[in-house]
Amino acid sequence: MTDEFSPLPFLPDDNDQETRATSSADGTRKLDQRTPQRGMPPVVNRPMINPPPPNMPPKQIPPPPPRQTGTHPRVGANQPPRTLPPPKKRGRARNRRDSGLYLPLWSLGLMVLVVIIIAGGIILLVIGLGGRNTTIPPAPPPVMVVNTLIPTNTPARQPLTPATPTIPAIFEPVVGVGQPNITFSLAGPTLMPIEISPTPMPLGVGATVVVVGVGQTQLNVRDSAGVIGTNILFRASEGDRFVIVGGPELVDNLTWWRIQNPNNPSQAGWAAGQYLQVIP
């Protein structure tokens, strides 16, 4: 039976082909099993396809079952539909318990207990620091000062008299008529008299100065202005007189003046101005 779907390929006759020279190796080499022998058609590897039988009706696909639109599934034609129980209603307490803002009663009680403990600790701390022992000092008694005028006996009518250099007798205070003699005196410590000191004269070159404010400690006279890095030439006692020959210079937060002994010109150096006072 000839296959109509895959016809055999056309093979030329070997007698019509040109002959080629064969070598000794061609007679001894192994033939390929896939090479067809001479005079036989080659075998083609193709899938086995069974042709459809004649006069066979096409296969029909059964229609899908009808969709169930009811609430309950259809179990059987003869069985009654099964009803589901109604959903259970959840109470308000259960809904609140499932809420994220719900707090159990034991947590509220614990919060109240913590607040009470903290308040008690604060009260005990205040009492321990002496909150009750602090006494308010008594207020001083009020002092009432009453200013009254001294009554004088004056006549109801005063006669018209010309002005005189002396006070008439009717205006003199009456002594011994129903009131004692009143005397005034000042009480308290006696104040020291105020001594007015002359205004000190400013320091300047050419002024005569005296050493003051050193007491038993003598004044250091240095070779240059300043405290750090200078040498002490000599020391001046309280009351020694000098003449200012140079300055001023502000070094180490002090004002320095160059002074010289009027009796010994070789005795000269720098001294702090706060220990020098100008004398007239």
C-alpha atoms as a PDB file:
ATOM      1  CA  MET A   1       0.000   0.000   0.000  1.00  0.00           C
ATOM      2  CA  THR A   2       1.469   3.278  -1.064  1.00  0.00           C
ATOM      3  CA  ASP A   3       1.509   6.168   1.480  1.00  0.00           C
ATOM      4  CA  GLU A   4      -0.098   9.192  -0.142  1.00  0.00           C
ATOM      5  CA  PHE A   5       1.206  11.612   2.456  1.00  0.00           C
ATOM      6  CA  SER A   6       4.972  10.860   2.162  1.00  0.00           C
ATOM      7  CA  PRO A   7       6.039   9.618  -1.333  1.00  0.00           C
ATOM      8  CA  LEU A   8       9.405   7.940  -1.704  1.00  0.00           C
ATOM      9  CA  PRO A   9      12.247  10.058  -3.051  1.00  0.00           C
ATOM     10  CA  PHE A  10      13.482   9.478  -6.598  1.00  0.00           C
ATOM     11  CA  LEU A  11      16.717   7.505  -6.753  1.00  0.00           C
ATOM     12  CA  PRO A  12      18.828   7.542  -9.892  1.00  0.00           C
ATOM     13  CA  ASP A  13      19.992   4.305 -11.502  1.00  0.00           C
ATOM     14  CA  ASP A  14      23.505   3.286 -10.592  1.00  0.00           C
ATOM     15  CA  ASN A  15      24.187   2.107 -14.147  1.00  0.00           C
ATOM     16  CA  ASP A  16      23.691   5.641 -15.378  1.00  0.00           C
ATOM     17  CA  GLN A  17      26.284   7.059 -12.947  1.00  0.00           C
ATOM     18  CA  GLU A  18      29.924   7.386 -13.801  1.00  0.00           C
ATOM     19  CA  THR A  19      32.177   4.756 -12.332  1.00  0.00           C
ATOM     20  CA  ARG A  20      35.075   5.743 -10.151  1.00  0.00           C
ATOM     21  CA  ALA A  21      38.275   3.925  -9.424  1.00  0.00           C
ATOM     22  CA  THR A  22      38.184   1.794  -6.347  1.00  0.00           C
ATOM     23  CA  SER A  23      41.070   1.274  -4.086  1.00  0.00           C
ATOM     24  CA  SER A  24      42.015  -1.620  -1.894  1.00  0.00           C
ATOM     25  CA  ALA A  25      40.709   0.297   1.095  1.00  0.00           C
ATOM     26  CA  ASP A  26      37.206   0.531  -0.378  1.00  0.00           C
ATOM     27  CA  GLY A  27      36.828  -3.203  -0.486  1.00  0.00           C
ATOM     28  CA  THR A  28      37.879  -3.722   3.136  1.00  0.00           C
ATOM     29  CA  ARG A  29      36.191  -0.745   4.875  1.00  0.00           C
ATOM     30  CA  LYS A  30      33.098  -1.226   6.990  1.00  0.00           C
ATOM     31  CA  LEU A  31      29.873  -0.202   5.386  1.00  0.00           C
ATOM     32  CA  ASP A  32      27.723   2.286   7.216  1.00  0.00           C
ATOM     33  CA  GLN A  33      24.609   0.633   8.514  1.00  0.00           C
ATOM     34  CA  ARG A  34      22.676   3.767   7.732  1.00  0.00           C
ATOM     35  CA  THR A  35      23.679   3.604   4.051  1.00  0.00           C
ATOM     36  CA  PRO A  36      21.054   1.633   2.103  1.00  0.00           C
ATOM     37  CA  GLN A  37      22.196  -1.267  -0.045  1.00  0.00           C
ATOM     38  CA  ARG A  38      22.227  -0.942  -3.757  1.00  0.00           C
ATOM     39  CA  GLY A  39      18.955  -1.636  -5.435  1.00  0.00           C
ATOM     40  CA  MET A  40      16.861  -0.949  -2.239  1.00  0.00           C
ATOM     41  CA  PRO A  41      15.112   2.287  -1.356  1.00  0.00           C
ATOM     42  CA  PRO A  42      16.358   4.136   1.721  1.00  0.00           C
ATOM     43  CA  VAL A  43      14.381   3.895   4.947  1.00  0.00           C
ATOM     44  CA  VAL A  44      13.072   7.249   6.083  1.00  0.00           C
ATOM     45  CA  ASN A  45      12.522   7.770   9.860  1.00  0.00           C
ATOM     46  CA  ARG A  46       9.114   9.347  10.042  1.00  0.00           C
ATOM     47  CA  PRO A  47       6.376   9.179  12.681  1.00  0.00           C
ATOM     48  CA  MET A  48       3.709   6.605  12.351  1.00  0.00           C
ATOM     49  CA  ILE A  49       0.499   8.407  11.471  1.00  0.00           C
ATOM     50  CA  ASN A  50      -2.620   6.366  11.329  1.00  0.00           C
ATOM     51  CA  PRO A  51      -5.016   7.718   8.737  1.00  0.00           C
ATOM     52  CA  PRO A  52      -8.529   8.385   9.970  1.00  0.00           C
ATOM     53  CA  PRO A  53     -10.920   5.534   9.305  1.00  0.00           C
ATOM     54  CA  PRO A  54     -13.381   6.247   6.520  1.00  0.00           C
ATOM     55  CA  ASN A  55     -16.930   7.279   7.308  1.00  0.00           C
ATOM     56  CA  MET A  56     -16.143   8.046  11.031  1.00  0.00           C
ATOM     57  CA  PRO A  57     -18.217  10.863  12.500  1.00  0.00           C
ATOM     58  CA  PRO A  58     -16.222  13.579  14.335  1.00  0.00           C
ATOM     59  CA  LYS A  59     -15.876  13.227  18.054  1.00  0.00           C
ATOM     60  CA  GLN A  60     -18.346  15.383  19.891  1.00  0.00           C
ATOM     61  CA  ILE A  61     -17.349  17.274  23.052  1.00  0.00           C
ATOM     62  CA  PRO A  62     -20.003  16.986  25.756  1.00  0.00           C
ATOM     63  CA  PRO A  63     -21.443  20.330  26.866  1.00  0.00           C
ATOM     64  CA  PRO A  64     -20.389  21.630  30.295  1.00  0.00           C
ATOM     65  CA  PRO A  65     -22.792  21.047  33.164  1.00  0.00           C
ATOM     66  CA  PRO A  66     -25.076  23.965  34.027  1.00  0.00           C
ATOM     67  CA  ARG A  67     -23.760  26.387  36.662  1.00  0.00           C
ATOM     68  CA  GLN A  68     -25.484  26.343  40.004  1.00  0.00           C
ATOM     69  CA  THR A  69     -26.775  29.773  40.907  1.00  0.00           C
ATOM     70  CA  GLY A  70     -28.412  28.858  44.201  1.00  0.00           C
ATOM     71  CA  THR A  71     -26.994  29.508  47.653  1.00  0.00           C
ATOM     72  CA  HIS A  72     -26.816  25.843  48.640  1.00  0.00           C
ATOM     73  CA  PRO A  73     -25.016  23.201  46.559  1.00  0.00           C
ATOM     74  CA  ARG A  74     -27.088  20.692  44.655  1.00  0.00           C
ATOM     75  CA  VAL A  75     -26.422  17.280  46.125  1.00  0.00           C
ATOM     76  CA  GLY A  76     -28.967  15.186  44.325  1.00  0.00           C
ATOM     77  CA  ALA A  77     -32.180  15.435  42.409  1.00  0.00           C
ATOM     78  CA  ASN A  78     -34.187  13.549  44.981  1.00  0.00           C
ATOM     79  CA  GLN A  79     -32.513  15.037  48.084  1.00  0.00           C
ATOM     80  CA  PRO A  80     -33.940  18.243  49.589  1.00  0.00           C
ATOM     81  CA  PRO A  81     -31.598  21.260  49.758  1.00  0.00           C
ATOM     82  CA  ARG A  82     -29.619  21.506  52.973  1.00  0.00           C
ATOM     83  CA  THR A  83     -29.903  24.791  54.853  1.00  0.00           C
ATOM     84  CA  LEU A  84     -26.916  26.269  56.650  1.00  0.00           C
ATOM     85  CA  PRO A  85     -27.290  27.513  60.234  1.00  0.00           C
ATOM     86  CA  PRO A  86     -27.480  31.298  60.621  1.00  0.00           C
ATOM     87  CA  PRO A  87     -24.204  33.004  61.572  1.00  0.00           C
ATOM     88  CA  LYS A  88     -23.660  33.522  65.250  1.00  0.00           C
ATOM     89  CA  LYS A  89     -23.918  37.076  66.467  1.00  0.00           C
ATOM     90  CA  ARG A  90     -20.901  38.382  68.293  1.00  0.00           C
ATOM     91  CA  GLY A  91     -21.537  40.446  71.387  1.00  0.00           C
ATOM     92  CA  ARG A  92     -20.280  43.949  72.024  1.00  0.00           C
ATOM     93  CA  ALA A  93     -17.880  42.752  74.701  1.00  0.00           C
ATOM     94  CA  ARG A  94     -16.223  40.395  72.212  1.00  0.00           C
ATOM     95  CA  ASN A  95     -15.966  43.165  69.629  1.00  0.00           C
ATOM     96  CA  ARG A  96     -14.335  45.499  72.152  1.00  0.00           C
ATOM     97  CA  ARG A  97     -11.944  42.735  73.219  1.00  0.00           C
ATOM     98  CA  ASP A  98     -10.832  42.228  69.635  1.00  0.00           C
ATOM     99  CA  SER A  99     -10.244  45.974  69.149  1.00  0.00           C
ATOM    100  CA  GLY A 100      -6.676  47.300  69.227  1.00  0.00           C
ATOM    101  CA  LEU A 101      -7.581  49.971  71.837  1.00  0.00           C
ATOM    102  CA  TYR A 102      -8.996  47.474  74.321  1.00  0.00           C
ATOM    103  CA  LEU A 103      -7.237  47.335  77.705  1.00  0.00           C
ATOM    104  CA  PRO A 104      -7.971  44.540  80.176  1.00  0.00           C
ATOM    105  CA  LEU A 105      -9.126  45.359  83.676  1.00  0.00           C
ATOM    106  CA  TRP A 106      -5.973  44.025  85.296  1.00  0.00           C
ATOM    107  CA  SER A 107      -3.823  46.480  83.319  1.00  0.00           C
ATOM    108  CA  LEU A 108      -5.963  49.424  84.478  1.00  0.00           C
ATOM    109  CA  GLY A 109      -5.633  48.268  88.086  1.00  0.00           C
ATOM    110  CA  LEU A 110      -1.874  47.970  87.675  1.00  0.00           C
ATOM    111  CA  MET A 111      -1.662  51.527  86.311  1.00  0.00           C
ATOM    112  CA  VAL A 112      -3.650  52.908  89.271  1.00  0.00           C
ATOM    113  CA  LEU A 113      -1.389  51.031  91.702  1.00  0.00           C
ATOM    114  CA  VAL A 114       1.763  52.458  90.083  1.00  0.00           C
ATOM    115  CA  VAL A 115       0.371  56.017  90.275  1.00  0.00           C
ATOM    116  CA  ILE A 116      -0.453  55.578  93.976  1.00  0.00           C
ATOM    117  CA  ILE A 117       3.051  54.267  94.705  1.00  0.00           C
ATOM    118  CA  ILE A 118       4.699  57.203  92.891  1.00  0.00           C
ATOM    119  CA  ALA A 119       2.518  59.766  94.709  1.00  0.00           C
ATOM    120  CA  GLY A 120       3.303  58.163  98.073  1.00  0.00           C
ATOM    121  CA  GLY A 121       7.020  58.208  97.314  1.00  0.00           C
ATOM    122  CA  ILE A 122       6.906  61.929  96.484  1.00  0.00           C
ATOM    123  CA  ILE A 123       5.054  62.694  99.733  1.00  0.00           C
ATOM    124  CA  LEU A 124       7.552  60.691 101.797  1.00  0.00           C
ATOM    125  CA  LEU A 125      10.441  62.454 100.066  1.00  0.00           C
ATOM    126  CA  VAL A 126       9.017  65.894 100.875  1.00  0.00           C
ATOM    127  CA  ILE A 127       8.463  64.892 104.509  1.00  0.00           C
ATOM    128  CA  GLY A 128      11.976  63.467 104.753  1.00  0.00           C
ATOM    129  CA  LEU A 129      13.503  66.702 103.447  1.00  0.00           C
ATOM    130  CA  GLY A 130      11.844  68.630 106.273  1.00  0.00           C
ATOM    131  CA  GLY A 131       8.619  69.762 104.713  1.00  0.00           C
ATOM    132  CA  ARG A 132       6.755  69.661 108.048  1.00  0.00           C
ATOM    133  CA  ASN A 133       9.664  70.907 110.166  1.00  0.00           C
ATOM    134  CA  THR A 134       9.798  74.208 108.357  1.00  0.00           C
ATOM    135  CA  THR A 135       8.248  76.752 110.679  1.00  0.00           C
ATOM    136  CA  ILE A 136       7.010  80.097 109.546  1.00  0.00           C
ATOM    137  CA  PRO A 137       8.591  82.855 111.621  1.00  0.00           C
ATOM    138  CA  PRO A 138       6.038  84.898 113.533  1.00  0.00           C
ATOM    139  CA  ALA A 139       5.205  88.248 112.090  1.00  0.00           C
ATOM    140  CA  PRO A 140       6.467  91.213 114.064  1.00  0.00           C
ATOM    141  CA  PRO A 141       3.807  93.019 116.049  1.00  0.00           C
ATOM    142  CA  PRO A 142       2.390  96.003 114.248  1.00  0.00           C
ATOM    143  CA  VAL A 143       3.612  99.376 115.413  1.00  0.00           C
ATOM    144  CA  MET A 144       1.133 102.195 115.272  1.00  0.00           C
ATOM    145  CA  VAL A 145       2.455 105.747 115.226  1.00  0.00           C
ATOM    146  CA  VAL A 146      -0.073 108.434 116.008  1.00  0.00           C
ATOM    147  CA  ASN A 147       0.903 112.018 115.359  1.00  0.00           C
ATOM    148  CA  THR A 148      -1.200 114.502 117.317  1.00  0.00           C
ATOM    149  CA  LEU A 149      -0.873 118.221 117.648  1.00  0.00           C
ATOM    150  CA  ILE A 150      -0.259 119.743 121.034  1.00  0.00           C
ATOM    151  CA  PRO A 151      -3.411 121.619 122.029  1.00  0.00           C
ATOM    152  CA  THR A 152      -2.972 125.258 123.019  1.00  0.00           C
ATOM    153  CA  ASN A 153      -5.372 127.585 124.732  1.00  0.00           C
ATOM    154  CA  THR A 154      -6.150 130.445 122.417  1.00  0.00           C
ATOM    155  CA  PRO A 155      -8.845 133.078 122.940  1.00  0.00           C
ATOM    156  CA  ALA A 156     -11.916 132.955 120.810  1.00  0.00           C
ATOM    157  CA  ARG A 157     -11.334 136.513 119.624  1.00  0.00           C
ATOM    158  CA  GLN A 158      -8.082 138.259 118.995  1.00  0.00           C
ATOM    159  CA  PRO A 159      -7.913 142.056 119.274  1.00  0.00           C
ATOM    160  CA  LEU A 160      -6.645 143.962 116.320  1.00  0.00           C
ATOM    161  CA  THR A 161      -3.300 145.392 117.318  1.00  0.00           C
ATOM    162  CA  PRO A 162      -0.553 146.865 115.209  1.00  0.00           C
ATOM    163  CA  ALA A 163       2.473 144.714 114.451  1.00  0.00           C
ATOM    164  CA  THR A 164       5.024 144.729 117.225  1.00  0.00           C
ATOM    165  CA  PRO A 165       8.516 143.241 117.271  1.00  0.00           C
ATOM    166  CA  THR A 166       7.640 141.032 120.231  1.00  0.00           C
ATOM    167  CA  ILE A 167       5.120 138.204 120.477  1.00  0.00           C
ATOM    168  CA  PRO A 168       2.094 139.165 122.505  1.00  0.00           C
ATOM    169  CA  ALA A 169       1.567 137.340 125.747  1.00  0.00           C
ATOM    170  CA  ILE A 170      -1.615 135.751 124.506  1.00  0.00           C
ATOM    171  CA  PHE A 171       0.398 133.570 122.037  1.00  0.00           C
ATOM    172  CA  GLU A 172       2.857 132.307 124.649  1.00  0.00           C
ATOM    173  CA  PRO A 173       2.197 128.715 125.713  1.00  0.00           C
ATOM    174  CA  VAL A 174       0.472 128.304 128.997  1.00  0.00           C
ATOM    175  CA  VAL A 175       2.490 126.210 131.409  1.00  0.00           C
ATOM    176  CA  GLY A 176       0.983 124.359 134.325  1.00  0.00           C
ATOM    177  CA  VAL A 177      -2.615 124.476 133.177  1.00  0.00           C
ATOM    178  CA  GLY A 178      -3.608 120.837 132.676  1.00  0.00           C
ATOM    179  CA  GLN A 179      -0.525 119.692 130.671  1.00  0.00           C
ATOM    180  CA  PRO A 180       3.090 118.858 131.556  1.00  0.00           C
ATOM    181  CA  ASN A 181       6.173 120.503 130.220  1.00  0.00           C
ATOM    182  CA  ILE A 182       7.382 118.721 127.048  1.00  0.00           C
ATOM    183  CA  THR A 183      11.088 118.439 126.361  1.00  0.00           C
ATOM    184  CA  PHE A 184      12.714 116.883 123.269  1.00  0.00           C
ATOM    185  CA  SER A 185      16.019 115.027 123.263  1.00  0.00           C
ATOM    186  CA  LEU A 186      17.915 113.105 120.570  1.00  0.00           C
ATOM    187  CA  ALA A 187      18.686 109.444 121.298  1.00  0.00           C
ATOM    188  CA  GLY A 188      21.150 107.134 119.570  1.00  0.00           C
ATOM    189  CA  PRO A 189      24.877 106.743 119.039  1.00  0.00           C
ATOM    190  CA  THR A 190      26.984 109.811 118.495  1.00  0.00           C
ATOM    191  CA  LEU A 191      28.085 110.085 114.882  1.00  0.00           C
ATOM    192  CA  MET A 192      31.718 110.633 114.075  1.00  0.00           C
ATOM    193  CA  PRO A 193      32.467 113.958 112.500  1.00  0.00           C
ATOM    194  CA  ILE A 194      33.010 113.791 108.765  1.00  0.00           C
ATOM    195  CA  GLU A 195      36.550 114.565 107.750  1.00  0.00           C
ATOM    196  CA  ILE A 196      36.868 116.062 104.322  1.00  0.00           C
ATOM    197  CA  SER A 197      40.063 114.890 102.690  1.00  0.00           C
ATOM    198  CA  PRO A 198      41.617 116.947  99.947  1.00  0.00           C
ATOM    199  CA  THR A 199      41.302 115.683  96.399  1.00  0.00           C
ATOM    200  CA  PRO A 200      44.506 113.834  95.457  1.00  0.00           C
ATOM    201  CA  MET A 201      46.516 115.465  92.739  1.00  0.00           C
ATOM    202  CA  PRO A 202      47.184 113.419  89.593  1.00  0.00           C
ATOM    203  CA  LEU A 203      50.593 111.862  89.058  1.00  0.00           C
ATOM    204  CA  GLY A 204      52.824 113.406  86.422  1.00  0.00           C
ATOM    205  CA  VAL A 205      56.405 113.937  85.394  1.00  0.00           C
ATOM    206  CA  GLY A 206      58.114 116.460  87.712  1.00  0.00           C
ATOM    207  CA  ALA A 207      55.720 115.909  90.648  1.00  0.00           C
ATOM    208  CA  THR A 208      57.076 115.129  94.100  1.00  0.00           C
ATOM    209  CA  VAL A 209      55.551 111.946  95.483  1.00  0.00           C
ATOM    210  CA  VAL A 210      55.663 110.053  98.744  1.00  0.00           C
ATOM    211  CA  VAL A 211      55.388 106.267  99.217  1.00  0.00           C
ATOM    212  CA  VAL A 212      52.057 105.349 100.882  1.00  0.00           C
ATOM    213  CA  GLY A 213      50.054 102.190 101.612  1.00  0.00           C
ATOM    214  CA  VAL A 214      52.957  99.756 102.034  1.00  0.00           C
ATOM    215  CA  GLY A 215      53.156  99.678 105.852  1.00  0.00           C
ATOM    216  CA  GLN A 216      55.859  97.385 107.129  1.00  0.00           C
ATOM    217  CA  THR A 217      56.272  95.948 103.622  1.00  0.00           C
ATOM    218  CA  GLN A 218      58.547  98.093 101.480  1.00  0.00           C
ATOM    219  CA  LEU A 219      57.875  99.183  97.894  1.00  0.00           C
ATOM    220  CA  ASN A 220      59.863  97.321  95.231  1.00  0.00           C
ATOM    221  CA  VAL A 221      61.576  99.659  92.776  1.00  0.00           C
ATOM    222  CA  ARG A 222      62.509  97.729  89.589  1.00  0.00           C
ATOM    223  CA  ASP A 223      64.839  98.267  86.653  1.00  0.00           C
ATOM    224  CA  SER A 224      61.945  98.346  84.146  1.00  0.00           C
ATOM    225  CA  ALA A 225      58.162  98.517  84.175  1.00  0.00           C
ATOM    226  CA  GLY A 226      56.443  95.240  84.984  1.00  0.00           C
ATOM    227  CA  VAL A 227      56.514  92.398  87.494  1.00  0.00           C
ATOM    228  CA  ILE A 228      57.515  89.456  85.302  1.00  0.00           C
ATOM    229  CA  GLY A 229      61.038  89.391  83.917  1.00  0.00           C
ATOM    230  CA  THR A 230      62.293  92.418  85.862  1.00  0.00           C
ATOM    231  CA  ASN A 231      64.853  92.872  88.652  1.00  0.00           C
ATOM    232  CA  ILE A 232      64.442  94.722  91.956  1.00  0.00           C
ATOM    233  CA  LEU A 233      66.964  97.560  92.303  1.00  0.00           C
ATOM    234  CA  PHE A 234      66.050  98.719  95.823  1.00  0.00           C
ATOM    235  CA  ARG A 235      63.105  98.986  98.228  1.00  0.00           C
ATOM    236  CA  ALA A 236      61.470 102.220  99.432  1.00  0.00           C
ATOM    237  CA  SER A 237      59.939 102.535 102.893  1.00  0.00           C
ATOM    238  CA  GLU A 238      56.684 104.202 103.925  1.00  0.00           C
ATOM    239  CA  GLY A 239      57.021 108.013 103.686  1.00  0.00           C
ATOM    240  CA  ASP A 240      60.093 108.146 101.392  1.00  0.00           C
ATOM    241  CA  ARG A 241      59.996 111.017  98.920  1.00  0.00           C
ATOM    242  CA  PHE A 242      60.839 110.793  95.239  1.00  0.00           C
ATOM    243  CA  VAL A 243      60.480 112.840  92.076  1.00  0.00           C
ATOM    244  CA  ILE A 244      58.733 111.381  88.993  1.00  0.00           C
ATOM    245  CA  VAL A 245      61.104 111.545  86.023  1.00  0.00           C
ATOM    246  CA  GLY A 246      59.346 109.237  83.497  1.00  0.00           C
ATOM    247  CA  GLY A 247      56.235 107.304  82.621  1.00  0.00           C
ATOM    248  CA  PRO A 248      53.552 106.259  82.694  1.00  0.00           C
ATOM    249  CA  GLU A 249      53.600 102.694  81.262  1.00  0.00           C
ATOM    250  CA  LEU A 250      50.792 100.141  81.623  1.00  0.00           C
ATOM    251  CA  VAL A 251      52.326  96.678  82.182  1.00  0.00           C
ATOM    252  CA  ASP A 252      50.804  93.671  84.011  1.00  0.00           C
ATOM    253  CA  ASN A 253      47.601  95.655  84.717  1.00  0.00           C
ATOM    254  CA  LEU A 254      49.581  98.250  86.698  1.00  0.00           C
ATOM    255  CA  THR A 255      50.600 101.827  85.895  1.00  0.00           C
ATOM    256  CA  TRP A 256      54.343 102.286  86.360  1.00  0.00           C
ATOM    257  CA  TRP A 257      56.244 105.542  86.930  1.00  0.00           C
ATOM    258  CA  ARG A 258      59.989 106.104  86.941  1.00  0.00           C
ATOM    259  CA  ILE A 259      60.982 107.763  90.228  1.00  0.00           C
ATOM    260  CA  GLN A 260      64.286 109.241  91.416  1.00  0.00           C
ATOM    261  CA  ASN A 261      65.628 110.102  94.855  1.00  0.00           C
ATOM    262  CA  PRO A 262      66.158 113.891  94.951  1.00  0.00           C
ATOM    263  CA  ASN A 263      69.041 113.477  97.422  1.00  0.00           C
ATOM    264  CA  ASN A 264      70.695 110.616  95.483  1.00  0.00           C
ATOM    265  CA  PRO A 265      70.131 110.832  91.697  1.00  0.00           C
ATOM    266  CA  SER A 266      71.702 107.378  91.149  1.00  0.00           C
ATOM    267  CA  GLN A 267      68.838 105.795  93.125  1.00  0.00           C
ATOM    268  CA  ALA A 268      66.131 105.615  90.452  1.00  0.00           C
ATOM    269  CA  GLY A 269      63.766 102.961  89.085  1.00  0.00           C
ATOM    270  CA  TRP A 270      60.184 102.029  88.223  1.00  0.00           C
ATOM    271  CA  ALA A 271      57.439 101.809  90.871  1.00  0.00           C
ATOM    272  CA  ALA A 272      53.698 101.077  90.784  1.00  0.00           C
ATOM    273  CA  GLY A 273      51.658 104.276  90.726  1.00  0.00           C
ATOM    274  CA  GLN A 274      49.026 103.020  93.198  1.00  0.00           C
ATOM    275  CA  TYR A 275      51.597 103.338  96.015  1.00  0.00           C
ATOM    276  CA  LEU A 276      52.627 106.898  95.118  1.00  0.00           C
ATOM    277  CA  GLN A 277      50.864 110.065  96.279  1.00  0.00           C
ATOM    278  CA  VAL A 278      51.577 113.596  95.092  1.00  0.00           C
ATOM    279  CA  ILE A 279      52.440 116.096  97.801  1.00  0.00           C
ATOM    280  CA  PRO A 280      52.240 119.843  97.259  1.00  0.00           C
END
